Amino acid sequence: MEPIRLVIADDHALIRDGIANSVSSREDVEVVGIAATGQEAIDLVESLKPDVLLVDIELPDQTGVNVARHLRENGSETYIIALSSYTDRRYVYGMIDIDANGYLLKNEATYDAVYDAIRGVVSGNGEFWMSPSFAERLVRYHISERRALMNYEKLSRRETEVLKFVAEGVDNTTVGGELNISPNTVKNHIDKIKDKLGIRTRAELIAWAWRNEIADGSKTWE
């Protein structure tokens, strides 16, 4: 199997070099490019077409959100993971809304966690990868601070049950096990939910569910 080709974009040499040295020690990851600015990251991704871009959310010339937006608007299929010091919800929502693939906090992301995220987005099924404690804080915020109304009228009871699991980032196999239905049936329910709510992607569905307090964050999923 070919190694995962990775570009790292961070203006702090200590951070990017540390990550590069760590992941390069793994047989299944190859660092093919290093960038210190957003434009350098864009140029490297467009020229090298790596599997994954790990990008600092705050670069000297632009934000990681803008980098990701530019790449998506220009058709890049590279998986994009933000690496950030910020817990501002606007950043993670920005990454979700433009179909990025993950958001890691620098003060929580060990080298092993970064490696797991890289592997996870490549081998996963479209789930948005996030630092667990940050995900928990976001969910709690929505429970306590944002009491938005959800339109349940378009959803059946089963679709509502599935949506609650999806909102917590649970994969289709686990959802199926909890509800005693097949993963394919779960997928069909999710497709119907997206159609009824006018939502294009699973990541957008998760973001919408968060905004409407569908996930309660009360259970830890292995």
C-alpha atoms as a PDB file:
ATOM      1  CA  MET A   1       0.000   0.000   0.000  1.00  0.00           C
ATOM      2  CA  GLU A   2       1.269   3.448  -0.897  1.00  0.00           C
ATOM      3  CA  PRO A   3       2.072   5.739   2.054  1.00  0.00           C
ATOM      4  CA  ILE A   4      -0.213   8.656   2.872  1.00  0.00           C
ATOM      5  CA  ARG A   5       1.284  11.770   1.280  1.00  0.00           C
ATOM      6  CA  LEU A   6       1.185  14.710   3.694  1.00  0.00           C
ATOM      7  CA  VAL A   7       1.749  18.463   3.448  1.00  0.00           C
ATOM      8  CA  ILE A   8       2.223  20.387   6.711  1.00  0.00           C
ATOM      9  CA  ALA A   9       1.533  24.138   6.889  1.00  0.00           C
ATOM     10  CA  ASP A  10       2.490  25.968  10.089  1.00  0.00           C
ATOM     11  CA  ASP A  11       4.506  29.137  10.614  1.00  0.00           C
ATOM     12  CA  HIS A  12       6.090  27.768  13.795  1.00  0.00           C
ATOM     13  CA  ALA A  13       9.126  25.763  12.734  1.00  0.00           C
ATOM     14  CA  LEU A  14       9.288  23.840  16.003  1.00  0.00           C
ATOM     15  CA  ILE A  15       5.735  22.572  15.566  1.00  0.00           C
ATOM     16  CA  ARG A  16       5.877  21.690  11.884  1.00  0.00           C
ATOM     17  CA  ASP A  17       9.322  20.088  12.139  1.00  0.00           C
ATOM     18  CA  GLY A  18       8.297  18.112  15.203  1.00  0.00           C
ATOM     19  CA  ILE A  19       5.202  16.780  13.455  1.00  0.00           C
ATOM     20  CA  ALA A  20       7.161  16.072  10.282  1.00  0.00           C
ATOM     21  CA  ASN A  21       9.838  14.119  12.137  1.00  0.00           C
ATOM     22  CA  SER A  22       7.270  12.160  14.118  1.00  0.00           C
ATOM     23  CA  VAL A  23       4.956  11.121  11.288  1.00  0.00           C
ATOM     24  CA  SER A  24       7.882  10.463   8.952  1.00  0.00           C
ATOM     25  CA  SER A  25       9.003   7.753  11.341  1.00  0.00           C
ATOM     26  CA  ARG A  26       5.842   5.837  10.418  1.00  0.00           C
ATOM     27  CA  GLU A  27       6.048   3.601   7.394  1.00  0.00           C
ATOM     28  CA  ASP A  28       2.613   4.595   6.118  1.00  0.00           C
ATOM     29  CA  VAL A  29       3.058   8.402   6.055  1.00  0.00           C
ATOM     30  CA  GLU A  30       5.341  10.429   3.799  1.00  0.00           C
ATOM     31  CA  VAL A  31       5.806  14.177   4.296  1.00  0.00           C
ATOM     32  CA  VAL A  32       6.013  15.573   0.758  1.00  0.00           C
ATOM     33  CA  GLY A  33       5.865  19.287   1.532  1.00  0.00           C
ATOM     34  CA  ILE A  34       6.357  21.892   4.257  1.00  0.00           C
ATOM     35  CA  ALA A  35       4.787  25.375   4.182  1.00  0.00           C
ATOM     36  CA  ALA A  36       5.020  28.409   6.446  1.00  0.00           C
ATOM     37  CA  THR A  37       2.237  30.495   4.851  1.00  0.00           C
ATOM     38  CA  GLY A  38      -1.220  29.929   3.466  1.00  0.00           C
ATOM     39  CA  GLN A  39      -0.164  30.670  -0.092  1.00  0.00           C
ATOM     40  CA  GLU A  40       2.709  28.210   0.162  1.00  0.00           C
ATOM     41  CA  ALA A  41       0.245  25.590   1.397  1.00  0.00           C
ATOM     42  CA  ILE A  42      -2.112  26.265  -1.514  1.00  0.00           C
ATOM     43  CA  ASP A  43       0.726  26.082  -4.037  1.00  0.00           C
ATOM     44  CA  LEU A  44       2.027  22.809  -2.598  1.00  0.00           C
ATOM     45  CA  VAL A  45      -1.392  21.162  -2.513  1.00  0.00           C
ATOM     46  CA  GLU A  46      -2.220  22.238  -6.049  1.00  0.00           C
ATOM     47  CA  SER A  47       1.129  21.063  -7.415  1.00  0.00           C
ATOM     48  CA  LEU A  48       1.705  17.904  -5.367  1.00  0.00           C
ATOM     49  CA  LYS A  49      -1.915  16.810  -4.787  1.00  0.00           C
ATOM     50  CA  PRO A  50      -1.169  15.178  -1.419  1.00  0.00           C
ATOM     51  CA  ASP A  51      -3.608  12.927   0.375  1.00  0.00           C
ATOM     52  CA  VAL A  52      -3.725  15.155   3.467  1.00  0.00           C
ATOM     53  CA  LEU A  53      -3.036  18.792   4.329  1.00  0.00           C
ATOM     54  CA  LEU A  54      -2.400  19.564   7.990  1.00  0.00           C
ATOM     55  CA  VAL A  55      -2.833  23.335   8.231  1.00  0.00           C
ATOM     56  CA  ASP A  56      -2.464  25.831  11.071  1.00  0.00           C
ATOM     57  CA  ILE A  57      -5.692  27.782  11.504  1.00  0.00           C
ATOM     58  CA  GLU A  58      -3.813  31.098  11.820  1.00  0.00           C
ATOM     59  CA  LEU A  59      -1.039  31.611   9.272  1.00  0.00           C
ATOM     60  CA  PRO A  60       0.835  34.892   8.657  1.00  0.00           C
ATOM     61  CA  ASP A  61      -0.953  35.738   5.405  1.00  0.00           C
ATOM     62  CA  GLN A  62      -4.388  34.136   5.861  1.00  0.00           C
ATOM     63  CA  THR A  63      -6.381  31.719   7.975  1.00  0.00           C
ATOM     64  CA  GLY A  64      -6.451  27.986   7.521  1.00  0.00           C
ATOM     65  CA  VAL A  65     -10.176  28.350   6.845  1.00  0.00           C
ATOM     66  CA  ASN A  66      -9.397  30.552   3.837  1.00  0.00           C
ATOM     67  CA  VAL A  67      -6.792  28.067   2.629  1.00  0.00           C
ATOM     68  CA  ALA A  68      -9.304  25.235   2.869  1.00  0.00           C
ATOM     69  CA  ARG A  69     -12.021  27.301   1.180  1.00  0.00           C
ATOM     70  CA  HIS A  70      -9.734  28.163  -1.735  1.00  0.00           C
ATOM     71  CA  LEU A  71      -8.767  24.528  -2.205  1.00  0.00           C
ATOM     72  CA  ARG A  72     -12.348  23.272  -2.081  1.00  0.00           C
ATOM     73  CA  GLU A  73     -13.592  25.978  -4.438  1.00  0.00           C
ATOM     74  CA  ASN A  74     -10.897  24.927  -6.891  1.00  0.00           C
ATOM     75  CA  GLY A  75     -11.790  21.261  -6.747  1.00  0.00           C
ATOM     76  CA  SER A  76      -9.111  19.888  -4.429  1.00  0.00           C
ATOM     77  CA  GLU A  77      -9.950  16.485  -2.969  1.00  0.00           C
ATOM     78  CA  THR A  78      -7.090  16.568  -0.455  1.00  0.00           C
ATOM     79  CA  TYR A  79      -8.212  15.781   3.075  1.00  0.00           C
ATOM     80  CA  ILE A  80      -7.806  18.900   5.213  1.00  0.00           C
ATOM     81  CA  ILE A  81      -7.150  18.876   8.963  1.00  0.00           C
ATOM     82  CA  ALA A  82      -6.862  22.133  10.881  1.00  0.00           C
ATOM     83  CA  LEU A  83      -4.326  22.411  13.686  1.00  0.00           C
ATOM     84  CA  SER A  84      -5.261  25.238  16.011  1.00  0.00           C
ATOM     85  CA  SER A  85      -4.591  26.989  19.292  1.00  0.00           C
ATOM     86  CA  TYR A  86      -8.101  28.447  19.182  1.00  0.00           C
ATOM     87  CA  THR A  87     -11.258  27.023  20.707  1.00  0.00           C
ATOM     88  CA  ASP A  88     -13.407  29.636  18.969  1.00  0.00           C
ATOM     89  CA  ARG A  89     -16.395  27.769  17.562  1.00  0.00           C
ATOM     90  CA  ARG A  90     -16.398  29.936  14.434  1.00  0.00           C
ATOM     91  CA  TYR A  91     -13.178  28.342  13.256  1.00  0.00           C
ATOM     92  CA  VAL A  92     -14.389  24.770  13.534  1.00  0.00           C
ATOM     93  CA  TYR A  93     -17.756  25.670  11.987  1.00  0.00           C
ATOM     94  CA  GLY A  94     -15.898  27.352   9.164  1.00  0.00           C
ATOM     95  CA  MET A  95     -13.931  24.174   8.520  1.00  0.00           C
ATOM     96  CA  ILE A  96     -17.028  21.973   8.676  1.00  0.00           C
ATOM     97  CA  ASP A  97     -19.063  24.242   6.411  1.00  0.00           C
ATOM     98  CA  ILE A  98     -16.440  24.143   3.657  1.00  0.00           C
ATOM     99  CA  ASP A  99     -16.184  20.356   3.837  1.00  0.00           C
ATOM    100  CA  ALA A 100     -12.838  20.054   5.611  1.00  0.00           C
ATOM    101  CA  ASN A 101     -12.127  16.856   7.502  1.00  0.00           C
ATOM    102  CA  GLY A 102     -10.820  17.600  10.979  1.00  0.00           C
ATOM    103  CA  TYR A 103      -9.902  20.087  13.701  1.00  0.00           C
ATOM    104  CA  LEU A 104      -7.198  19.409  16.292  1.00  0.00           C
ATOM    105  CA  LEU A 105      -6.185  21.578  19.229  1.00  0.00           C
ATOM    106  CA  LYS A 106      -2.438  22.100  19.528  1.00  0.00           C
ATOM    107  CA  ASN A 107      -2.445  21.869  23.307  1.00  0.00           C
ATOM    108  CA  GLU A 108      -4.161  18.474  23.148  1.00  0.00           C
ATOM    109  CA  ALA A 109      -2.807  16.959  19.950  1.00  0.00           C
ATOM    110  CA  THR A 110       0.104  14.669  20.744  1.00  0.00           C
ATOM    111  CA  TYR A 111       2.133  13.350  17.844  1.00  0.00           C
ATOM    112  CA  ASP A 112       0.207  10.094  18.148  1.00  0.00           C
ATOM    113  CA  ALA A 113      -3.096  11.997  18.013  1.00  0.00           C
ATOM    114  CA  VAL A 114      -1.988  13.829  14.865  1.00  0.00           C
ATOM    115  CA  TYR A 115      -1.005  10.527  13.278  1.00  0.00           C
ATOM    116  CA  ASP A 116      -4.339   8.974  14.268  1.00  0.00           C
ATOM    117  CA  ALA A 117      -6.201  11.914  12.717  1.00  0.00           C
ATOM    118  CA  ILE A 118      -4.245  11.621   9.470  1.00  0.00           C
ATOM    119  CA  ARG A 119      -4.958   7.912   9.290  1.00  0.00           C
ATOM    120  CA  GLY A 120      -8.546   8.428  10.398  1.00  0.00           C
ATOM    121  CA  VAL A 121      -9.610  10.912   7.738  1.00  0.00           C
ATOM    122  CA  VAL A 122      -8.039   8.834   4.972  1.00  0.00           C
ATOM    123  CA  SER A 123      -9.486   5.503   6.050  1.00  0.00           C
ATOM    124  CA  GLY A 124     -12.752   6.805   7.500  1.00  0.00           C
ATOM    125  CA  ASN A 125     -16.221   7.197   6.013  1.00  0.00           C
ATOM    126  CA  GLY A 126     -16.594  10.954   5.959  1.00  0.00           C
ATOM    127  CA  GLU A 127     -16.597  11.588   9.697  1.00  0.00           C
ATOM    128  CA  PHE A 128     -15.235  14.938  10.871  1.00  0.00           C
ATOM    129  CA  TRP A 129     -12.169  14.292  13.060  1.00  0.00           C
ATOM    130  CA  MET A 130     -11.927  16.439  16.167  1.00  0.00           C
ATOM    131  CA  SER A 131     -10.069  16.667  19.461  1.00  0.00           C
ATOM    132  CA  PRO A 132     -12.448  14.808  21.821  1.00  0.00           C
ATOM    133  CA  SER A 133     -12.500  17.382  24.609  1.00  0.00           C
ATOM    134  CA  PHE A 134     -13.125  20.192  22.135  1.00  0.00           C
ATOM    135  CA  ALA A 135     -16.010  18.255  20.607  1.00  0.00           C
ATOM    136  CA  GLU A 136     -17.450  17.761  24.076  1.00  0.00           C
ATOM    137  CA  ARG A 137     -17.175  21.469  24.883  1.00  0.00           C
ATOM    138  CA  LEU A 138     -18.921  22.383  21.648  1.00  0.00           C
ATOM    139  CA  VAL A 139     -21.779  20.012  22.313  1.00  0.00           C
ATOM    140  CA  ARG A 140     -22.165  21.270  25.876  1.00  0.00           C
ATOM    141  CA  TYR A 141     -22.197  24.841  24.624  1.00  0.00           C
ATOM    142  CA  HIS A 142     -25.056  24.075  22.293  1.00  0.00           C
ATOM    143  CA  ILE A 143     -26.994  22.304  24.997  1.00  0.00           C
ATOM    144  CA  SER A 144     -26.646  25.125  27.525  1.00  0.00           C
ATOM    145  CA  GLU A 145     -26.431  28.247  25.364  1.00  0.00           C
ATOM    146  CA  ARG A 146     -28.111  27.670  22.040  1.00  0.00           C
ATOM    147  CA  ARG A 147     -31.730  26.505  22.307  1.00  0.00           C
ATOM    148  CA  ALA A 148     -32.529  26.593  18.632  1.00  0.00           C
ATOM    149  CA  LEU A 149     -35.737  25.004  17.432  1.00  0.00           C
ATOM    150  CA  MET A 150     -35.437  21.957  15.258  1.00  0.00           C
ATOM    151  CA  ASN A 151     -37.923  21.112  12.610  1.00  0.00           C
ATOM    152  CA  TYR A 152     -38.881  17.507  13.342  1.00  0.00           C
ATOM    153  CA  GLU A 153     -41.937  17.566  11.101  1.00  0.00           C
ATOM    154  CA  LYS A 154     -39.948  16.417   8.076  1.00  0.00           C
ATOM    155  CA  LEU A 155     -38.409  13.471   9.933  1.00  0.00           C
ATOM    156  CA  SER A 156     -39.851  10.138  10.968  1.00  0.00           C
ATOM    157  CA  ARG A 157     -39.228   8.806  14.472  1.00  0.00           C
ATOM    158  CA  ARG A 158     -36.521   6.464  13.167  1.00  0.00           C
ATOM    159  CA  GLU A 159     -34.847   9.253  11.205  1.00  0.00           C
ATOM    160  CA  THR A 160     -34.787  11.381  14.346  1.00  0.00           C
ATOM    161  CA  GLU A 161     -33.114   8.530  16.255  1.00  0.00           C
ATOM    162  CA  VAL A 162     -30.483   8.117  13.545  1.00  0.00           C
ATOM    163  CA  LEU A 163     -29.857  11.862  13.412  1.00  0.00           C
ATOM    164  CA  LYS A 164     -29.112  11.962  17.143  1.00  0.00           C
ATOM    165  CA  PHE A 165     -26.385   9.348  16.730  1.00  0.00           C
ATOM    166  CA  VAL A 166     -24.941  11.050  13.641  1.00  0.00           C
ATOM    167  CA  ALA A 167     -24.809  14.344  15.532  1.00  0.00           C
ATOM    168  CA  GLU A 168     -22.476  12.711  18.056  1.00  0.00           C
ATOM    169  CA  GLY A 169     -20.147  11.477  15.326  1.00  0.00           C
ATOM    170  CA  VAL A 170     -21.138   7.811  15.634  1.00  0.00           C
ATOM    171  CA  ASP A 171     -20.323   5.671  12.589  1.00  0.00           C
ATOM    172  CA  ASN A 172     -22.986   3.788  10.630  1.00  0.00           C
ATOM    173  CA  THR A 173     -22.000   0.357  11.956  1.00  0.00           C
ATOM    174  CA  THR A 174     -22.329   1.462  15.584  1.00  0.00           C
ATOM    175  CA  VAL A 175     -25.623   3.223  14.868  1.00  0.00           C
ATOM    176  CA  GLY A 176     -26.932   0.052  13.261  1.00  0.00           C
ATOM    177  CA  GLY A 177     -25.923  -1.989  16.290  1.00  0.00           C
ATOM    178  CA  GLU A 178     -27.655   0.402  18.686  1.00  0.00           C
ATOM    179  CA  LEU A 179     -30.870   0.446  16.626  1.00  0.00           C
ATOM    180  CA  ASN A 180     -30.760  -3.179  15.413  1.00  0.00           C
ATOM    181  CA  ILE A 181     -30.651  -2.201  11.751  1.00  0.00           C
ATOM    182  CA  SER A 182     -27.999  -2.702   9.079  1.00  0.00           C
ATOM    183  CA  PRO A 183     -25.337  -0.069   8.308  1.00  0.00           C
ATOM    184  CA  ASN A 184     -26.804   0.207   4.802  1.00  0.00           C
ATOM    185  CA  THR A 185     -30.218   0.990   6.277  1.00  0.00           C
ATOM    186  CA  VAL A 186     -28.570   3.642   8.454  1.00  0.00           C
ATOM    187  CA  LYS A 187     -27.000   5.145   5.329  1.00  0.00           C
ATOM    188  CA  ASN A 188     -30.382   5.204   3.595  1.00  0.00           C
ATOM    189  CA  HIS A 189     -31.925   6.996   6.579  1.00  0.00           C
ATOM    190  CA  ILE A 190     -29.115   9.564   6.562  1.00  0.00           C
ATOM    191  CA  ASP A 191     -29.603  10.180   2.830  1.00  0.00           C
ATOM    192  CA  LYS A 192     -33.325  10.749   3.410  1.00  0.00           C
ATOM    193  CA  ILE A 193     -32.604  13.085   6.338  1.00  0.00           C
ATOM    194  CA  LYS A 194     -30.238  15.152   4.200  1.00  0.00           C
ATOM    195  CA  ASP A 195     -32.803  15.319   1.404  1.00  0.00           C
ATOM    196  CA  LYS A 196     -35.591  16.423   3.743  1.00  0.00           C
ATOM    197  CA  LEU A 197     -33.449  19.073   5.410  1.00  0.00           C
ATOM    198  CA  GLY A 198     -31.791  20.273   2.209  1.00  0.00           C
ATOM    199  CA  ILE A 199     -28.286  19.404   3.452  1.00  0.00           C
ATOM    200  CA  ARG A 200     -25.596  18.136   1.061  1.00  0.00           C
ATOM    201  CA  THR A 201     -22.967  16.390   3.180  1.00  0.00           C
ATOM    202  CA  ARG A 202     -22.671  14.463   6.413  1.00  0.00           C
ATOM    203  CA  ALA A 203     -20.334  17.121   7.822  1.00  0.00           C
ATOM    204  CA  GLU A 204     -22.955  19.790   7.131  1.00  0.00           C
ATOM    205  CA  LEU A 205     -25.581  17.570   8.761  1.00  0.00           C
ATOM    206  CA  ILE A 206     -23.433  17.302  11.892  1.00  0.00           C
ATOM    207  CA  ALA A 207     -22.955  21.083  11.930  1.00  0.00           C
ATOM    208  CA  TRP A 208     -26.699  21.629  11.493  1.00  0.00           C
ATOM    209  CA  ALA A 209     -27.472  19.141  14.249  1.00  0.00           C
ATOM    210  CA  TRP A 210     -25.049  20.898  16.588  1.00  0.00           C
ATOM    211  CA  ARG A 211     -26.651  24.233  15.864  1.00  0.00           C
ATOM    212  CA  ASN A 212     -30.006  22.701  16.761  1.00  0.00           C
ATOM    213  CA  GLU A 213     -28.790  20.786  19.834  1.00  0.00           C
ATOM    214  CA  ILE A 214     -29.413  17.248  18.635  1.00  0.00           C
ATOM    215  CA  ALA A 215     -26.281  15.799  20.266  1.00  0.00           C
ATOM    216  CA  ASP A 216     -26.126  15.749  24.059  1.00  0.00           C
ATOM    217  CA  GLY A 217     -22.539  14.507  24.439  1.00  0.00           C
ATOM    218  CA  SER A 218     -23.586  12.363  27.394  1.00  0.00           C
ATOM    219  CA  LYS A 219     -22.153   9.088  26.108  1.00  0.00           C
ATOM    220  CA  THR A 220     -18.606   8.229  25.101  1.00  0.00           C
ATOM    221  CA  TRP A 221     -18.400   6.107  21.958  1.00  0.00           C
ATOM    222  CA  GLU A 222     -15.485   3.727  21.500  1.00  0.00           C
END
